[in-house]
Amino acid sequence: MVSGSCELPAQRTPLSDAAETGLKIVVVGGFGVGKTTLVRSVSEIRPLNTEEVMTQAGVGVDETSGVDAKTTTTVAFDFGRISLNERIVLYLFGAPGQERFWFLWDRLF
């Protein structure tokens, strides 16, 4: 490698029109533990986020102790993708952590 030059990252093979196998991981857990951060960090595509600003409507409903500085929350789910190879794709879903959204967990499973 010549000093001062930079190498381009290896090109990814684009996902075919229809992967033969799709696998799904649903990331669940308590409020503010990092589910959205995980999906954002590992997804090869720009992740779909449904994060919204927390409002007064959640006061007394959502347990926010320990995450006092948190200002946004997932209100539906996060979605990302990782291509394991040309024929296998891993779909990532991050579920909201508040108890009032737990009904979504069953739908994502």
N, C-alpha and C. Protein backbone atom coordinates (compact mmCIF):
# COMPACT_ATOMS: atom_id res chain seq x y z
N MET A 1 0.85 -1.18 0.00
CA MET A 1 0.00 0.00 0.00
C MET A 1 0.89 1.23 0.00
N VAL A 2 0.59 2.17 -0.86
CA VAL A 2 1.35 3.40 -0.97
C VAL A 2 0.93 4.33 0.16
N SER A 3 1.91 4.94 0.80
CA SER A 3 1.62 5.84 1.91
C SER A 3 0.75 7.00 1.43
N GLY A 4 -0.27 7.33 2.21
CA GLY A 4 -1.13 8.46 1.90
C GLY A 4 -2.33 8.08 1.05
N SER A 5 -2.37 6.88 0.52
CA SER A 5 -3.54 6.48 -0.28
C SER A 5 -4.50 5.71 0.61
N CYS A 6 -5.71 5.62 0.18
CA CYS A 6 -6.68 4.86 0.95
C CYS A 6 -7.27 3.79 0.06
N GLU A 7 -7.57 2.67 0.65
CA GLU A 7 -8.16 1.57 -0.09
C GLU A 7 -9.67 1.65 0.01
N LEU A 8 -10.34 1.31 -1.07
CA LEU A 8 -11.79 1.26 -1.06
C LEU A 8 -12.24 0.00 -0.34
N PRO A 9 -13.35 0.06 0.38
CA PRO A 9 -13.83 -1.14 1.05
C PRO A 9 -14.24 -2.18 0.02
N ALA A 10 -14.19 -3.43 0.42
CA ALA A 10 -14.61 -4.51 -0.47
C ALA A 10 -16.06 -4.30 -0.87
N GLN A 11 -16.36 -4.54 -2.14
CA GLN A 11 -17.73 -4.37 -2.62
C GLN A 11 -18.60 -5.52 -2.14
N ARG A 12 -19.77 -5.21 -1.67
CA ARG A 12 -20.72 -6.24 -1.26
C ARG A 12 -21.47 -6.71 -2.50
N THR A 13 -21.74 -7.98 -2.54
CA THR A 13 -22.59 -8.50 -3.60
C THR A 13 -24.01 -8.09 -3.28
N PRO A 14 -24.69 -7.43 -4.24
CA PRO A 14 -26.06 -7.00 -3.94
C PRO A 14 -26.97 -8.20 -3.67
N LEU A 15 -27.95 -8.00 -2.82
CA LEU A 15 -28.91 -9.05 -2.51
C LEU A 15 -29.71 -9.36 -3.77
N SER A 16 -29.84 -10.62 -4.10
CA SER A 16 -30.60 -11.00 -5.29
C SER A 16 -32.06 -10.59 -5.10
N ASP A 17 -32.80 -10.64 -6.20
CA ASP A 17 -34.20 -10.24 -6.15
C ASP A 17 -34.98 -10.97 -5.07
N ALA A 18 -34.65 -12.22 -4.87
CA ALA A 18 -35.32 -13.00 -3.83
C ALA A 18 -34.31 -13.94 -3.18
N ALA A 19 -33.97 -13.67 -1.95
CA ALA A 19 -33.07 -14.55 -1.22
C ALA A 19 -33.78 -15.88 -1.01
N GLU A 20 -33.01 -16.95 -1.04
CA GLU A 20 -33.59 -18.27 -0.83
C GLU A 20 -34.06 -18.46 0.60
N THR A 21 -33.32 -17.90 1.54
CA THR A 21 -33.63 -18.09 2.95
C THR A 21 -33.60 -16.76 3.69
N GLY A 22 -34.66 -16.47 4.39
CA GLY A 22 -34.72 -15.29 5.24
C GLY A 22 -34.83 -15.73 6.69
N LEU A 23 -33.95 -15.21 7.51
CA LEU A 23 -33.97 -15.50 8.94
C LEU A 23 -34.36 -14.23 9.68
N LYS A 24 -34.99 -14.37 10.82
CA LYS A 24 -35.45 -13.20 11.56
C LYS A 24 -34.98 -13.28 13.00
N ILE A 25 -34.47 -12.14 13.48
CA ILE A 25 -34.15 -11.98 14.90
C ILE A 25 -34.98 -10.82 15.41
N VAL A 26 -35.69 -11.06 16.50
CA VAL A 26 -36.45 -10.01 17.16
C VAL A 26 -35.72 -9.66 18.45
N VAL A 27 -35.30 -8.41 18.57
CA VAL A 27 -34.57 -7.94 19.74
C VAL A 27 -35.58 -7.32 20.70
N VAL A 28 -35.73 -7.92 21.88
CA VAL A 28 -36.65 -7.41 22.88
C VAL A 28 -35.90 -7.17 24.18
N GLY A 29 -36.49 -6.37 25.02
CA GLY A 29 -35.88 -6.09 26.31
C GLY A 29 -36.52 -4.86 26.92
N GLY A 30 -36.06 -4.51 28.07
CA GLY A 30 -36.62 -3.38 28.80
C GLY A 30 -36.40 -2.05 28.11
N PHE A 31 -37.07 -1.06 28.64
CA PHE A 31 -37.00 0.31 28.13
C PHE A 31 -35.60 0.87 28.29
N GLY A 32 -35.02 1.38 27.21
CA GLY A 32 -33.75 2.07 27.27
C GLY A 32 -32.52 1.19 27.37
N VAL A 33 -32.62 -0.11 26.98
CA VAL A 33 -31.46 -0.99 27.12
C VAL A 33 -30.57 -1.03 25.87
N GLY A 34 -31.00 -0.44 24.75
CA GLY A 34 -30.15 -0.37 23.57
C GLY A 34 -30.60 -1.17 22.36
N LYS A 35 -31.87 -1.52 22.29
CA LYS A 35 -32.37 -2.30 21.15
C LYS A 35 -32.24 -1.51 19.84
N THR A 36 -32.66 -0.27 19.84
CA THR A 36 -32.54 0.58 18.65
C THR A 36 -31.08 0.77 18.28
N THR A 37 -30.24 1.01 19.25
CA THR A 37 -28.81 1.20 19.01
C THR A 37 -28.21 -0.05 18.37
N LEU A 38 -28.60 -1.22 18.83
CA LEU A 38 -28.10 -2.46 18.25
C LEU A 38 -28.48 -2.57 16.78
N VAL A 39 -29.76 -2.39 16.47
CA VAL A 39 -30.21 -2.51 15.08
C VAL A 39 -29.50 -1.48 14.20
N ARG A 40 -29.39 -0.25 14.67
CA ARG A 40 -28.70 0.79 13.90
C ARG A 40 -27.23 0.45 13.67
N SER A 41 -26.61 -0.16 14.66
CA SER A 41 -25.17 -0.44 14.60
C SER A 41 -24.80 -1.55 13.64
N VAL A 42 -25.64 -2.55 13.50
CA VAL A 42 -25.25 -3.72 12.71
C VAL A 42 -25.93 -3.83 11.36
N SER A 43 -26.95 -3.04 11.10
CA SER A 43 -27.67 -3.14 9.84
C SER A 43 -26.81 -2.66 8.67
N GLU A 44 -26.88 -3.39 7.55
CA GLU A 44 -26.14 -2.99 6.35
C GLU A 44 -26.92 -1.98 5.53
N ILE A 45 -28.21 -1.83 5.81
CA ILE A 45 -29.03 -0.84 5.14
C ILE A 45 -29.35 0.26 6.14
N ARG A 46 -29.81 1.37 5.64
CA ARG A 46 -30.28 2.43 6.54
C ARG A 46 -31.50 1.87 7.26
N PRO A 47 -31.43 1.73 8.59
CA PRO A 47 -32.53 1.08 9.30
C PRO A 47 -33.79 1.94 9.33
N LEU A 48 -34.92 1.25 9.37
CA LEU A 48 -36.20 1.91 9.58
C LEU A 48 -36.33 2.13 11.08
N ASN A 49 -36.59 3.34 11.47
CA ASN A 49 -36.78 3.66 12.89
C ASN A 49 -38.15 4.29 13.08
N THR A 50 -38.78 3.98 14.17
CA THR A 50 -40.05 4.62 14.51
C THR A 50 -39.89 5.34 15.85
N GLU A 51 -38.78 6.03 15.98
CA GLU A 51 -38.48 6.72 17.23
C GLU A 51 -39.15 8.09 17.23
N GLU A 52 -39.79 8.40 18.32
CA GLU A 52 -40.48 9.68 18.48
C GLU A 52 -40.09 10.30 19.82
N VAL A 53 -40.29 11.60 19.92
CA VAL A 53 -40.00 12.33 21.14
C VAL A 53 -40.97 11.88 22.23
N MET A 54 -40.43 11.64 23.41
CA MET A 54 -41.28 11.26 24.55
C MET A 54 -42.07 12.48 24.99
N THR A 55 -43.33 12.25 25.33
CA THR A 55 -44.21 13.35 25.72
C THR A 55 -44.76 13.14 27.12
N GLN A 56 -45.51 14.09 27.58
CA GLN A 56 -46.15 14.01 28.90
C GLN A 56 -47.12 12.84 28.98
N ALA A 57 -47.63 12.38 27.84
CA ALA A 57 -48.60 11.27 27.85
C ALA A 57 -48.01 10.01 28.47
N GLY A 58 -46.70 9.84 28.41
CA GLY A 58 -46.07 8.66 28.98
C GLY A 58 -45.73 8.77 30.45
N VAL A 59 -45.83 9.98 31.01
CA VAL A 59 -45.50 10.18 32.42
C VAL A 59 -46.49 9.40 33.28
N GLY A 60 -45.98 8.60 34.18
CA GLY A 60 -46.83 7.79 35.04
C GLY A 60 -47.28 6.49 34.39
N VAL A 61 -47.04 6.35 33.07
CA VAL A 61 -47.39 5.13 32.35
C VAL A 61 -46.13 4.31 32.10
N ASP A 62 -45.10 4.97 31.60
CA ASP A 62 -43.84 4.30 31.28
C ASP A 62 -42.86 4.43 32.44
N GLU A 63 -42.19 3.34 32.75
CA GLU A 63 -41.16 3.34 33.80
C GLU A 63 -39.86 3.85 33.20
N THR A 64 -39.44 5.06 33.60
CA THR A 64 -38.25 5.67 33.01
C THR A 64 -37.09 5.81 34.00
N SER A 65 -37.21 5.21 35.16
CA SER A 65 -36.11 5.33 36.13
C SER A 65 -34.86 4.68 35.55
N GLY A 66 -33.75 5.34 35.74
CA GLY A 66 -32.48 4.86 35.22
C GLY A 66 -32.14 5.37 33.83
N VAL A 67 -33.11 5.95 33.15
CA VAL A 67 -32.87 6.52 31.81
C VAL A 67 -33.45 7.93 31.75
N ASP A 68 -33.17 8.69 32.79
CA ASP A 68 -33.75 10.03 32.92
C ASP A 68 -33.41 10.97 31.77
N ALA A 69 -32.24 10.78 31.15
CA ALA A 69 -31.82 11.67 30.07
C ALA A 69 -32.39 11.26 28.71
N LYS A 70 -33.09 10.16 28.64
CA LYS A 70 -33.66 9.67 27.37
C LYS A 70 -34.79 10.58 26.93
N THR A 71 -34.76 11.00 25.68
CA THR A 71 -35.77 11.93 25.17
C THR A 71 -36.62 11.35 24.04
N THR A 72 -36.20 10.23 23.48
CA THR A 72 -36.97 9.60 22.41
C THR A 72 -37.22 8.13 22.74
N THR A 73 -38.21 7.55 22.06
CA THR A 73 -38.54 6.15 22.29
C THR A 73 -39.11 5.53 21.02
N THR A 74 -38.92 4.24 20.86
CA THR A 74 -39.48 3.50 19.74
C THR A 74 -40.97 3.29 19.99
N VAL A 75 -41.80 3.59 18.98
CA VAL A 75 -43.24 3.46 19.15
C VAL A 75 -43.86 2.35 18.30
N ALA A 76 -43.12 1.74 17.43
CA ALA A 76 -43.61 0.59 16.66
C ALA A 76 -42.51 -0.47 16.66
N PHE A 77 -41.52 -0.35 15.77
CA PHE A 77 -40.37 -1.25 15.79
C PHE A 77 -39.27 -0.67 14.92
N ASP A 78 -38.06 -1.17 15.12
CA ASP A 78 -36.93 -0.85 14.27
C ASP A 78 -36.73 -2.02 13.32
N PHE A 79 -36.19 -1.75 12.13
CA PHE A 79 -35.96 -2.81 11.16
C PHE A 79 -34.61 -2.60 10.50
N GLY A 80 -33.83 -3.67 10.40
CA GLY A 80 -32.56 -3.64 9.70
C GLY A 80 -32.33 -4.96 8.99
N ARG A 81 -31.23 -5.03 8.26
CA ARG A 81 -30.94 -6.24 7.49
C ARG A 81 -29.44 -6.49 7.42
N ILE A 82 -29.08 -7.77 7.44
CA ILE A 82 -27.70 -8.18 7.22
C ILE A 82 -27.73 -9.32 6.21
N SER A 83 -27.00 -9.17 5.10
CA SER A 83 -26.88 -10.26 4.12
C SER A 83 -25.74 -11.16 4.59
N LEU A 84 -26.06 -12.40 4.89
CA LEU A 84 -25.05 -13.34 5.33
C LEU A 84 -24.25 -13.87 4.15
N ASN A 85 -24.91 -14.06 3.03
CA ASN A 85 -24.28 -14.36 1.75
C ASN A 85 -25.29 -14.03 0.66
N GLU A 86 -25.04 -14.45 -0.58
CA GLU A 86 -25.93 -14.07 -1.68
C GLU A 86 -27.33 -14.67 -1.55
N ARG A 87 -27.46 -15.74 -0.77
CA ARG A 87 -28.74 -16.44 -0.71
C ARG A 87 -29.41 -16.41 0.66
N ILE A 88 -28.72 -15.92 1.67
CA ILE A 88 -29.28 -15.91 3.02
C ILE A 88 -29.23 -14.50 3.59
N VAL A 89 -30.38 -14.03 4.05
CA VAL A 89 -30.47 -12.69 4.61
C VAL A 89 -31.04 -12.78 6.03
N LEU A 90 -30.53 -11.94 6.91
CA LEU A 90 -30.98 -11.88 8.30
C LEU A 90 -31.74 -10.57 8.48
N TYR A 91 -33.00 -10.67 8.88
CA TYR A 91 -33.82 -9.49 9.15
C TYR A 91 -33.82 -9.22 10.65
N LEU A 92 -33.60 -7.99 11.02
CA LEU A 92 -33.54 -7.59 12.43
C LEU A 92 -34.74 -6.73 12.78
N PHE A 93 -35.41 -7.05 13.85
CA PHE A 93 -36.54 -6.26 14.33
C PHE A 93 -36.26 -5.88 15.78
N GLY A 94 -36.33 -4.61 16.10
CA GLY A 94 -36.19 -4.13 17.47
C GLY A 94 -37.54 -3.69 17.99
N ALA A 95 -38.01 -4.33 19.04
CA ALA A 95 -39.33 -4.03 19.60
C ALA A 95 -39.24 -2.95 20.67
N PRO A 96 -40.31 -2.17 20.85
CA PRO A 96 -40.30 -1.18 21.93
C PRO A 96 -40.31 -1.88 23.29
N GLY A 97 -39.71 -1.22 24.28
CA GLY A 97 -39.55 -1.84 25.59
C GLY A 97 -40.63 -1.54 26.61
N GLN A 98 -41.44 -0.51 26.38
CA GLN A 98 -42.46 -0.18 27.38
C GLN A 98 -43.55 -1.24 27.42
N GLU A 99 -44.05 -1.50 28.60
CA GLU A 99 -45.08 -2.53 28.78
C GLU A 99 -46.30 -2.29 27.90
N ARG A 100 -46.66 -1.04 27.67
CA ARG A 100 -47.86 -0.76 26.86
C ARG A 100 -47.70 -1.17 25.41
N PHE A 101 -46.46 -1.45 24.97
CA PHE A 101 -46.21 -1.88 23.60
C PHE A 101 -45.90 -3.38 23.49
N TRP A 102 -45.99 -4.10 24.58
CA TRP A 102 -45.62 -5.52 24.56
C TRP A 102 -46.48 -6.34 23.61
N PHE A 103 -47.71 -5.88 23.32
CA PHE A 103 -48.57 -6.63 22.39
C PHE A 103 -47.91 -6.74 21.03
N LEU A 104 -47.03 -5.80 20.69
CA LEU A 104 -46.32 -5.86 19.41
C LEU A 104 -45.32 -7.01 19.36
N TRP A 105 -44.80 -7.40 20.50
CA TRP A 105 -43.81 -8.47 20.53
C TRP A 105 -44.37 -9.73 19.88
N ASP A 106 -45.60 -10.10 20.25
CA ASP A 106 -46.23 -11.29 19.66
C ASP A 106 -46.37 -11.16 18.16
N ARG A 107 -46.71 -9.98 17.68
CA ARG A 107 -46.87 -9.76 16.24
C ARG A 107 -45.54 -9.90 15.51
N LEU A 108 -44.46 -9.44 16.13
CA LEU A 108 -43.15 -9.53 15.50
C LEU A 108 -42.62 -10.96 15.52
N PHE A 109 -43.00 -11.74 16.52
CA PHE A 109 -42.56 -13.14 16.57
C PHE A 109 -43.25 -13.93 15.49
